[in-house]
Structures are given as structure tokens and as C-alpha cells.
Amino acid sequence: MDDKCLMEDLLLEAKGVCDLYMHGTIESATPNVHGAFDCALDESLKMQDDIYRRMSEQGWFPSESAEPARIDKVRQKFSSQS
């Protein structure tokens, strides 16, 4: 398994953990449990962001800029729904 595949696996796992911690935070019944999940979620989000940035630096997670016309179209669509 090459580095790119390992990083993709790490990113998927990190996203899954973030999802679990988010639901734990939302569903927690006490302030202590909420705080524990919230702290774990924050740390997991930082880890996920770090993995993404490292992949992006290697060119393994390319992103493209949205065209201004498309952004305006979406903005108009949602502003008219308010």
C-alpha cells in the first residue's frame, strides 16, 4: 500500500470519528459528557484538517475553484428562498 492510499484511509477514518463524536455531542445527556465529546470532536477535526492539508500539499486531494458565475447563481437561488 502506498502513502496516498494510507493517507486516504486515515482521512476516511478521521471523518468517521468526527461523525461519531458529533453525534455524541448532540445526544449527550449531561454537561460533562457533552464537554468530553465536544473536546474529542474538536481534536478530531484538527486531525482531519491536518491530514487533508498534507494530502493537498502532495497533490493527492486536488480542489478546483468555483466559477464566480456559478457562485452567484447559487447565492441568488438561496437568497430568493428566504
PDB file of N, CA and C in Angstrom:
ATOM      1  N   MET A   1       0.856  -1.178   0.000  1.00  0.00           N
ATOM      2  CA  MET A   1       0.000   0.000   0.000  1.00  0.00           C
ATOM      3  C   MET A   1       0.901   1.241   0.000  1.00  0.00           C
ATOM      4  N   ASP A   2       0.619   2.169  -0.888  1.00  0.00           N
ATOM      5  CA  ASP A   2       1.449   3.365  -0.985  1.00  0.00           C
ATOM      6  C   ASP A   2       0.965   4.453  -0.017  1.00  0.00           C
ATOM      7  N   ASP A   3       1.753   5.521   0.073  1.00  0.00           N
ATOM      8  CA  ASP A   3       1.449   6.604   1.013  1.00  0.00           C
ATOM      9  C   ASP A   3       0.100   7.256   0.732  1.00  0.00           C
ATOM     10  N   LYS A   4      -0.230   7.415  -0.547  1.00  0.00           N
ATOM     11  CA  LYS A   4      -1.506   8.038  -0.893  1.00  0.00           C
ATOM     12  C   LYS A   4      -2.675   7.207  -0.367  1.00  0.00           C
ATOM     13  N   CYS A   5      -2.628   5.913  -0.550  1.00  0.00           N
ATOM     14  CA  CYS A   5      -3.701   5.033  -0.057  1.00  0.00           C
ATOM     15  C   CYS A   5      -3.787   5.075   1.469  1.00  0.00           C
ATOM     16  N   LEU A   6      -2.648   5.104   2.129  1.00  0.00           N
ATOM     17  CA  LEU A   6      -2.637   5.187   3.594  1.00  0.00           C
ATOM     18  C   LEU A   6      -3.276   6.483   4.076  1.00  0.00           C
ATOM     19  N   MET A   7      -2.919   7.574   3.412  1.00  0.00           N
ATOM     20  CA  MET A   7      -3.488   8.869   3.807  1.00  0.00           C
ATOM     21  C   MET A   7      -4.983   8.922   3.517  1.00  0.00           C
ATOM     22  N   GLU A   8      -5.419   8.341   2.412  1.00  0.00           N
ATOM     23  CA  GLU A   8      -6.853   8.291   2.113  1.00  0.00           C
ATOM     24  C   GLU A   8      -7.591   7.510   3.192  1.00  0.00           C
ATOM     25  N   ASP A   9      -7.014   6.382   3.606  1.00  0.00           N
ATOM     26  CA  ASP A   9      -7.623   5.582   4.676  1.00  0.00           C
ATOM     27  C   ASP A   9      -7.684   6.367   5.986  1.00  0.00           C
ATOM     28  N   LEU A  10      -6.595   7.063   6.306  1.00  0.00           N
ATOM     29  CA  LEU A  10      -6.578   7.873   7.528  1.00  0.00           C
ATOM     30  C   LEU A  10      -7.647   8.965   7.481  1.00  0.00           C
ATOM     31  N   LEU A  11      -7.787   9.606   6.328  1.00  0.00           N
ATOM     32  CA  LEU A  11      -8.773  10.668   6.190  1.00  0.00           C
ATOM     33  C   LEU A  11     -10.189  10.120   6.355  1.00  0.00           C
ATOM     34  N   LEU A  12     -10.467   8.982   5.742  1.00  0.00           N
ATOM     35  CA  LEU A  12     -11.793   8.377   5.888  1.00  0.00           C
ATOM     36  C   LEU A  12     -12.080   8.001   7.339  1.00  0.00           C
ATOM     37  N   GLU A  13     -11.102   7.452   8.011  1.00  0.00           N
ATOM     38  CA  GLU A  13     -11.273   7.089   9.422  1.00  0.00           C
ATOM     39  C   GLU A  13     -11.500   8.330  10.279  1.00  0.00           C
ATOM     40  N   ALA A  14     -10.727   9.373  10.008  1.00  0.00           N
ATOM     41  CA  ALA A  14     -10.875  10.616  10.774  1.00  0.00           C
ATOM     42  C   ALA A  14     -12.265  11.214  10.575  1.00  0.00           C
ATOM     43  N   LYS A  15     -12.762  11.180   9.348  1.00  0.00           N
ATOM     44  CA  LYS A  15     -14.106  11.696   9.079  1.00  0.00           C
ATOM     45  C   LYS A  15     -15.156  10.878   9.826  1.00  0.00           C
ATOM     46  N   GLY A  16     -14.980   9.580   9.853  1.00  0.00           N
ATOM     47  CA  GLY A  16     -15.919   8.718  10.570  1.00  0.00           C
ATOM     48  C   GLY A  16     -15.919   8.994  12.060  1.00  0.00           C
ATOM     49  N   VAL A  17     -14.738   9.187  12.622  1.00  0.00           N
ATOM     50  CA  VAL A  17     -14.622   9.511  14.042  1.00  0.00           C
ATOM     51  C   VAL A  17     -15.278  10.847  14.335  1.00  0.00           C
ATOM     52  N   CYS A  18     -15.051  11.827  13.481  1.00  0.00           N
ATOM     53  CA  CYS A  18     -15.686  13.141  13.663  1.00  0.00           C
ATOM     54  C   CYS A  18     -17.206  13.007  13.676  1.00  0.00           C
ATOM     55  N   ASP A  19     -17.732  12.197  12.796  1.00  0.00           N
ATOM     56  CA  ASP A  19     -19.178  11.981  12.737  1.00  0.00           C
ATOM     57  C   ASP A  19     -19.689  11.364  14.041  1.00  0.00           C
ATOM     58  N   LEU A  20     -18.984  10.377  14.547  1.00  0.00           N
ATOM     59  CA  LEU A  20     -19.391   9.741  15.808  1.00  0.00           C
ATOM     60  C   LEU A  20     -19.343  10.725  16.971  1.00  0.00           C
ATOM     61  N   TYR A  21     -18.266  11.486  17.052  1.00  0.00           N
ATOM     62  CA  TYR A  21     -18.153  12.461  18.144  1.00  0.00           C
ATOM     63  C   TYR A  21     -19.190  13.573  18.029  1.00  0.00           C
ATOM     64  N   MET A  22     -19.521  13.968  16.801  1.00  0.00           N
ATOM     65  CA  MET A  22     -20.542  14.991  16.622  1.00  0.00           C
ATOM     66  C   MET A  22     -21.882  14.492  17.165  1.00  0.00           C
ATOM     67  N   HIS A  23     -22.232  13.258  16.823  1.00  0.00           N
ATOM     68  CA  HIS A  23     -23.497  12.710  17.315  1.00  0.00           C
ATOM     69  C   HIS A  23     -23.463  12.523  18.829  1.00  0.00           C
ATOM     70  N   GLY A  24     -22.324  12.138  19.353  1.00  0.00           N
ATOM     71  CA  GLY A  24     -22.195  12.025  20.808  1.00  0.00           C
ATOM     72  C   GLY A  24     -22.388  13.364  21.484  1.00  0.00           C
ATOM     73  N   THR A  25     -21.853  14.420  20.885  1.00  0.00           N
ATOM     74  CA  THR A  25     -22.009  15.767  21.436  1.00  0.00           C
ATOM     75  C   THR A  25     -23.474  16.192  21.398  1.00  0.00           C
ATOM     76  N   ILE A  26     -24.113  15.968  20.278  1.00  0.00           N
ATOM     77  CA  ILE A  26     -25.520  16.361  20.126  1.00  0.00           C
ATOM     78  C   ILE A  26     -26.423  15.600  21.084  1.00  0.00           C
ATOM     79  N   GLU A  27     -26.176  14.311  21.241  1.00  0.00           N
ATOM     80  CA  GLU A  27     -27.075  13.452  22.009  1.00  0.00           C
ATOM     81  C   GLU A  27     -26.716  13.338  23.483  1.00  0.00           C
ATOM     82  N   SER A  28     -25.642  13.956  23.925  1.00  0.00           N
ATOM     83  CA  SER A  28     -25.207  13.791  25.314  1.00  0.00           C
ATOM     84  C   SER A  28     -26.248  14.348  26.288  1.00  0.00           C
ATOM     85  N   ALA A  29     -26.380  13.635  27.399  1.00  0.00           N
ATOM     86  CA  ALA A  29     -27.433  13.968  28.367  1.00  0.00           C
ATOM     87  C   ALA A  29     -26.954  14.880  29.491  1.00  0.00           C
ATOM     88  N   THR A  30     -25.662  14.964  29.695  1.00  0.00           N
ATOM     89  CA  THR A  30     -25.147  15.773  30.798  1.00  0.00           C
ATOM     90  C   THR A  30     -24.057  16.717  30.296  1.00  0.00           C
ATOM     91  N   PRO A  31     -23.840  17.800  31.011  1.00  0.00           N
ATOM     92  CA  PRO A  31     -22.783  18.735  30.598  1.00  0.00           C
ATOM     93  C   PRO A  31     -21.396  18.086  30.556  1.00  0.00           C
ATOM     94  N   ASN A  32     -21.106  17.197  31.475  1.00  0.00           N
ATOM     95  CA  ASN A  32     -19.786  16.548  31.485  1.00  0.00           C
ATOM     96  C   ASN A  32     -19.579  15.675  30.254  1.00  0.00           C
ATOM     97  N   VAL A  33     -20.599  14.902  29.906  1.00  0.00           N
ATOM     98  CA  VAL A  33     -20.496  14.044  28.732  1.00  0.00           C
ATOM     99  C   VAL A  33     -20.430  14.904  27.474  1.00  0.00           C
ATOM    100  N   HIS A  34     -21.250  15.937  27.420  1.00  0.00           N
ATOM    101  CA  HIS A  34     -21.234  16.867  26.282  1.00  0.00           C
ATOM    102  C   HIS A  34     -19.843  17.476  26.112  1.00  0.00           C
ATOM    103  N   GLY A  35     -19.259  17.915  27.205  1.00  0.00           N
ATOM    104  CA  GLY A  35     -17.927  18.517  27.151  1.00  0.00           C
ATOM    105  C   GLY A  35     -16.864  17.546  26.677  1.00  0.00           C
ATOM    106  N   ALA A  36     -16.959  16.298  27.126  1.00  0.00           N
ATOM    107  CA  ALA A  36     -15.981  15.291  26.720  1.00  0.00           C
ATOM    108  C   ALA A  36     -16.070  15.018  25.216  1.00  0.00           C
ATOM    109  N   PHE A  37     -17.298  14.841  24.735  1.00  0.00           N
ATOM    110  CA  PHE A  37     -17.474  14.610  23.301  1.00  0.00           C
ATOM    111  C   PHE A  37     -17.077  15.838  22.485  1.00  0.00           C
ATOM    112  N   ASP A  38     -17.426  17.010  22.965  1.00  0.00           N
ATOM    113  CA  ASP A  38     -17.101  18.238  22.252  1.00  0.00           C
ATOM    114  C   ASP A  38     -15.589  18.423  22.133  1.00  0.00           C
ATOM    115  N   CYS A  39     -14.878  18.144  23.191  1.00  0.00           N
ATOM    116  CA  CYS A  39     -13.410  18.246  23.175  1.00  0.00           C
ATOM    117  C   CYS A  39     -12.815  17.222  22.207  1.00  0.00           C
ATOM    118  N   ALA A  40     -13.328  15.993  22.263  1.00  0.00           N
ATOM    119  CA  ALA A  40     -12.848  14.950  21.356  1.00  0.00           C
ATOM    120  C   ALA A  40     -13.148  15.319  19.908  1.00  0.00           C
ATOM    121  N   LEU A  41     -14.328  15.899  19.663  1.00  0.00           N
ATOM    122  CA  LEU A  41     -14.689  16.325  18.309  1.00  0.00           C
ATOM    123  C   LEU A  41     -13.729  17.398  17.808  1.00  0.00           C
ATOM    124  N   ASP A  42     -13.437  18.380  18.645  1.00  0.00           N
ATOM    125  CA  ASP A  42     -12.529  19.450  18.255  1.00  0.00           C
ATOM    126  C   ASP A  42     -11.149  18.898  17.879  1.00  0.00           C
ATOM    127  N   GLU A  43     -10.634  18.004  18.682  1.00  0.00           N
ATOM    128  CA  GLU A  43      -9.320  17.409  18.395  1.00  0.00           C
ATOM    129  C   GLU A  43      -9.361  16.577  17.115  1.00  0.00           C
ATOM    130  N   SER A  44     -10.442  15.869  16.911  1.00  0.00           N
ATOM    131  CA  SER A  44     -10.576  15.043  15.708  1.00  0.00           C
ATOM    132  C   SER A  44     -10.680  15.905  14.457  1.00  0.00           C
ATOM    133  N   LEU A  45     -11.390  17.022  14.558  1.00  0.00           N
ATOM    134  CA  LEU A  45     -11.495  17.929  13.412  1.00  0.00           C
ATOM    135  C   LEU A  45     -10.130  18.525  13.069  1.00  0.00           C
ATOM    136  N   LYS A  46      -9.346  18.835  14.073  1.00  0.00           N
ATOM    137  CA  LYS A  46      -7.991  19.347  13.821  1.00  0.00           C
ATOM    138  C   LYS A  46      -7.143  18.287  13.120  1.00  0.00           C
ATOM    139  N   MET A  47      -7.277  17.040  13.564  1.00  0.00           N
ATOM    140  CA  MET A  47      -6.523  15.949  12.963  1.00  0.00           C
ATOM    141  C   MET A  47      -6.957  15.732  11.509  1.00  0.00           C
ATOM    142  N   GLN A  48      -8.257  15.778  11.262  1.00  0.00           N
ATOM    143  CA  GLN A  48      -8.778  15.614   9.908  1.00  0.00           C
ATOM    144  C   GLN A  48      -8.262  16.728   9.008  1.00  0.00           C
ATOM    145  N   ASP A  49      -8.242  17.952   9.516  1.00  0.00           N
ATOM    146  CA  ASP A  49      -7.756  19.086   8.738  1.00  0.00           C
ATOM    147  C   ASP A  49      -6.270  18.929   8.414  1.00  0.00           C
ATOM    148  N   ASP A  50      -5.504  18.447   9.364  1.00  0.00           N
ATOM    149  CA  ASP A  50      -4.070  18.239   9.149  1.00  0.00           C
ATOM    150  C   ASP A  50      -3.838  17.181   8.070  1.00  0.00           C
ATOM    151  N   ILE A  51      -4.582  16.095   8.115  1.00  0.00           N
ATOM    152  CA  ILE A  51      -4.449  15.047   7.102  1.00  0.00           C
ATOM    153  C   ILE A  51      -4.802  15.607   5.731  1.00  0.00           C
ATOM    154  N   TYR A  52      -5.909  16.348   5.659  1.00  0.00           N
ATOM    155  CA  TYR A  52      -6.319  16.947   4.387  1.00  0.00           C
ATOM    156  C   TYR A  52      -5.226  17.868   3.839  1.00  0.00           C
ATOM    157  N   ARG A  53      -4.687  18.736   4.697  1.00  0.00           N
ATOM    158  CA  ARG A  53      -3.654  19.675   4.234  1.00  0.00           C
ATOM    159  C   ARG A  53      -2.426  18.946   3.710  1.00  0.00           C
ATOM    160  N   ARG A  54      -2.021  17.901   4.396  1.00  0.00           N
ATOM    161  CA  ARG A  54      -0.850  17.139   3.948  1.00  0.00           C
ATOM    162  C   ARG A  54      -1.119  16.462   2.601  1.00  0.00           C
ATOM    163  N   MET A  55      -2.329  15.949   2.439  1.00  0.00           N
ATOM    164  CA  MET A  55      -2.682  15.326   1.161  1.00  0.00           C
ATOM    165  C   MET A  55      -2.723  16.372   0.056  1.00  0.00           C
ATOM    166  N   SER A  56      -3.270  17.529   0.366  1.00  0.00           N
ATOM    167  CA  SER A  56      -3.357  18.600  -0.612  1.00  0.00           C
ATOM    168  C   SER A  56      -1.968  19.067  -1.039  1.00  0.00           C
ATOM    169  N   GLU A  57      -1.049  19.163  -0.084  1.00  0.00           N
ATOM    170  CA  GLU A  57       0.327  19.565  -0.393  1.00  0.00           C
ATOM    171  C   GLU A  57       0.998  18.587  -1.359  1.00  0.00           C
ATOM    172  N   GLN A  58       0.620  17.312  -1.275  1.00  0.00           N
ATOM    173  CA  GLN A  58       1.197  16.296  -2.156  1.00  0.00           C
ATOM    174  C   GLN A  58       0.473  16.226  -3.504  1.00  0.00           C
ATOM    175  N   GLY A  59      -0.627  16.980  -3.618  1.00  0.00           N
ATOM    176  CA  GLY A  59      -1.415  16.930  -4.849  1.00  0.00           C
ATOM    177  C   GLY A  59      -2.363  15.749  -4.896  1.00  0.00           C
ATOM    178  N   TRP A  60      -2.580  15.109  -3.734  1.00  0.00           N
ATOM    179  CA  TRP A  60      -3.436  13.926  -3.671  1.00  0.00           C
ATOM    180  C   TRP A  60      -4.903  14.269  -3.422  1.00  0.00           C
ATOM    181  N   PHE A  61      -5.170  15.501  -3.144  1.00  0.00           N
ATOM    182  CA  PHE A  61      -6.539  15.913  -2.867  1.00  0.00           C
ATOM    183  C   PHE A  61      -6.771  17.223  -3.605  1.00  0.00           C
ATOM    184  N   PRO A  62      -6.799  17.145  -4.928  1.00  0.00           N
ATOM    185  CA  PRO A  62      -6.923  18.391  -5.694  1.00  0.00           C
ATOM    186  C   PRO A  62      -8.291  19.038  -5.501  1.00  0.00           C
ATOM    187  N   SER A  63      -8.279  20.330  -5.520  1.00  0.00           N
ATOM    188  CA  SER A  63      -9.545  21.065  -5.461  1.00  0.00           C
ATOM    189  C   SER A  63      -9.526  22.105  -6.563  1.00  0.00           C
ATOM    190  N   GLU A  64     -10.700  22.448  -7.014  1.00  0.00           N
ATOM    191  CA  GLU A  64     -10.780  23.454  -8.059  1.00  0.00           C
ATOM    192  C   GLU A  64     -11.639  24.599  -7.565  1.00  0.00           C
ATOM    193  N   SER A  65     -11.329  25.765  -8.024  1.00  0.00           N
ATOM    194  CA  SER A  65     -12.086  26.945  -7.633  1.00  0.00           C
ATOM    195  C   SER A  65     -13.413  26.973  -8.380  1.00  0.00           C
ATOM    196  N   ALA A  66     -14.436  27.402  -7.666  1.00  0.00           N
ATOM    197  CA  ALA A  66     -15.744  27.556  -8.304  1.00  0.00           C
ATOM    198  C   ALA A  66     -15.752  28.831  -9.126  1.00  0.00           C
ATOM    199  N   GLU A  67     -16.408  28.749 -10.247  1.00  0.00           N
ATOM    200  CA  GLU A  67     -16.518  29.919 -11.109  1.00  0.00           C
ATOM    201  C   GLU A  67     -17.416  30.955 -10.440  1.00  0.00           C
ATOM    202  N   PRO A  68     -17.039  32.232 -10.487  1.00  0.00           N
ATOM    203  CA  PRO A  68     -17.858  33.280  -9.862  1.00  0.00           C
ATOM    204  C   PRO A  68     -19.314  33.272 -10.339  1.00  0.00           C
ATOM    205  N   ALA A  69     -19.537  32.959 -11.601  1.00  0.00           N
ATOM    206  CA  ALA A  69     -20.912  32.932 -12.122  1.00  0.00           C
ATOM    207  C   ALA A  69     -21.734  31.842 -11.442  1.00  0.00           C
ATOM    208  N   ARG A  70     -21.119  30.689 -11.192  1.00  0.00           N
ATOM    209  CA  ARG A  70     -21.833  29.601 -10.506  1.00  0.00           C
ATOM    210  C   ARG A  70     -22.125  29.964  -9.059  1.00  0.00           C
ATOM    211  N   ILE A  71     -21.179  30.633  -8.419  1.00  0.00           N
ATOM    212  CA  ILE A  71     -21.381  31.063  -7.032  1.00  0.00           C
ATOM    213  C   ILE A  71     -22.545  32.039  -6.967  1.00  0.00           C
ATOM    214  N   ASP A  72     -22.563  32.999  -7.870  1.00  0.00           N
ATOM    215  CA  ASP A  72     -23.658  33.978  -7.900  1.00  0.00           C
ATOM    216  C   ASP A  72     -25.001  33.305  -8.150  1.00  0.00           C
ATOM    217  N   LYS A  73     -25.027  32.323  -9.038  1.00  0.00           N
ATOM    218  CA  LYS A  73     -26.268  31.618  -9.348  1.00  0.00           C
ATOM    219  C   LYS A  73     -26.821  30.918  -8.103  1.00  0.00           C
ATOM    220  N   VAL A  74     -25.953  30.241  -7.373  1.00  0.00           N
ATOM    221  CA  VAL A  74     -26.380  29.552  -6.152  1.00  0.00           C
ATOM    222  C   VAL A  74     -26.803  30.564  -5.094  1.00  0.00           C
ATOM    223  N   ARG A  75     -26.050  31.629  -4.967  1.00  0.00           N
ATOM    224  CA  ARG A  75     -26.388  32.668  -3.994  1.00  0.00           C
ATOM    225  C   ARG A  75     -27.781  33.244  -4.285  1.00  0.00           C
ATOM    226  N   GLN A  76     -28.051  33.519  -5.544  1.00  0.00           N
ATOM    227  CA  GLN A  76     -29.363  34.050  -5.924  1.00  0.00           C
ATOM    228  C   GLN A  76     -30.476  33.044  -5.645  1.00  0.00           C
ATOM    229  N   LYS A  77     -30.197  31.803  -5.928  1.00  0.00           N
ATOM    230  CA  LYS A  77     -31.201  30.747  -5.708  1.00  0.00           C
ATOM    231  C   LYS A  77     -31.615  30.709  -4.237  1.00  0.00           C
ATOM    232  N   PHE A  78     -30.637  30.718  -3.341  1.00  0.00           N
ATOM    233  CA  PHE A  78     -30.939  30.591  -1.919  1.00  0.00           C
ATOM    234  C   PHE A  78     -31.416  31.894  -1.288  1.00  0.00           C
ATOM    235  N   SER A  79     -30.995  33.020  -1.828  1.00  0.00           N
ATOM    236  CA  SER A  79     -31.468  34.290  -1.272  1.00  0.00           C
ATOM    237  C   SER A  79     -32.932  34.535  -1.631  1.00  0.00           C
ATOM    238  N   SER A  80     -33.386  33.983  -2.745  1.00  0.00           N
ATOM    239  CA  SER A  80     -34.789  34.155  -3.134  1.00  0.00           C
ATOM    240  C   SER A  80     -35.715  33.238  -2.336  1.00  0.00           C
ATOM    241  N   GLN A  81     -35.153  32.227  -1.669  1.00  0.00           N
ATOM    242  CA  GLN A  81     -35.956  31.288  -0.880  1.00  0.00           C
ATOM    243  C   GLN A  81     -36.206  31.778   0.535  1.00  0.00           C
ATOM    244  N   SER A  82     -35.538  32.837   0.956  1.00  0.00           N
ATOM    245  CA  SER A  82     -35.664  33.311   2.341  1.00  0.00           C
ATOM    246  C   SER A  82     -36.966  34.001   2.586  1.00  0.00           C
TER     247      SER A  82
END
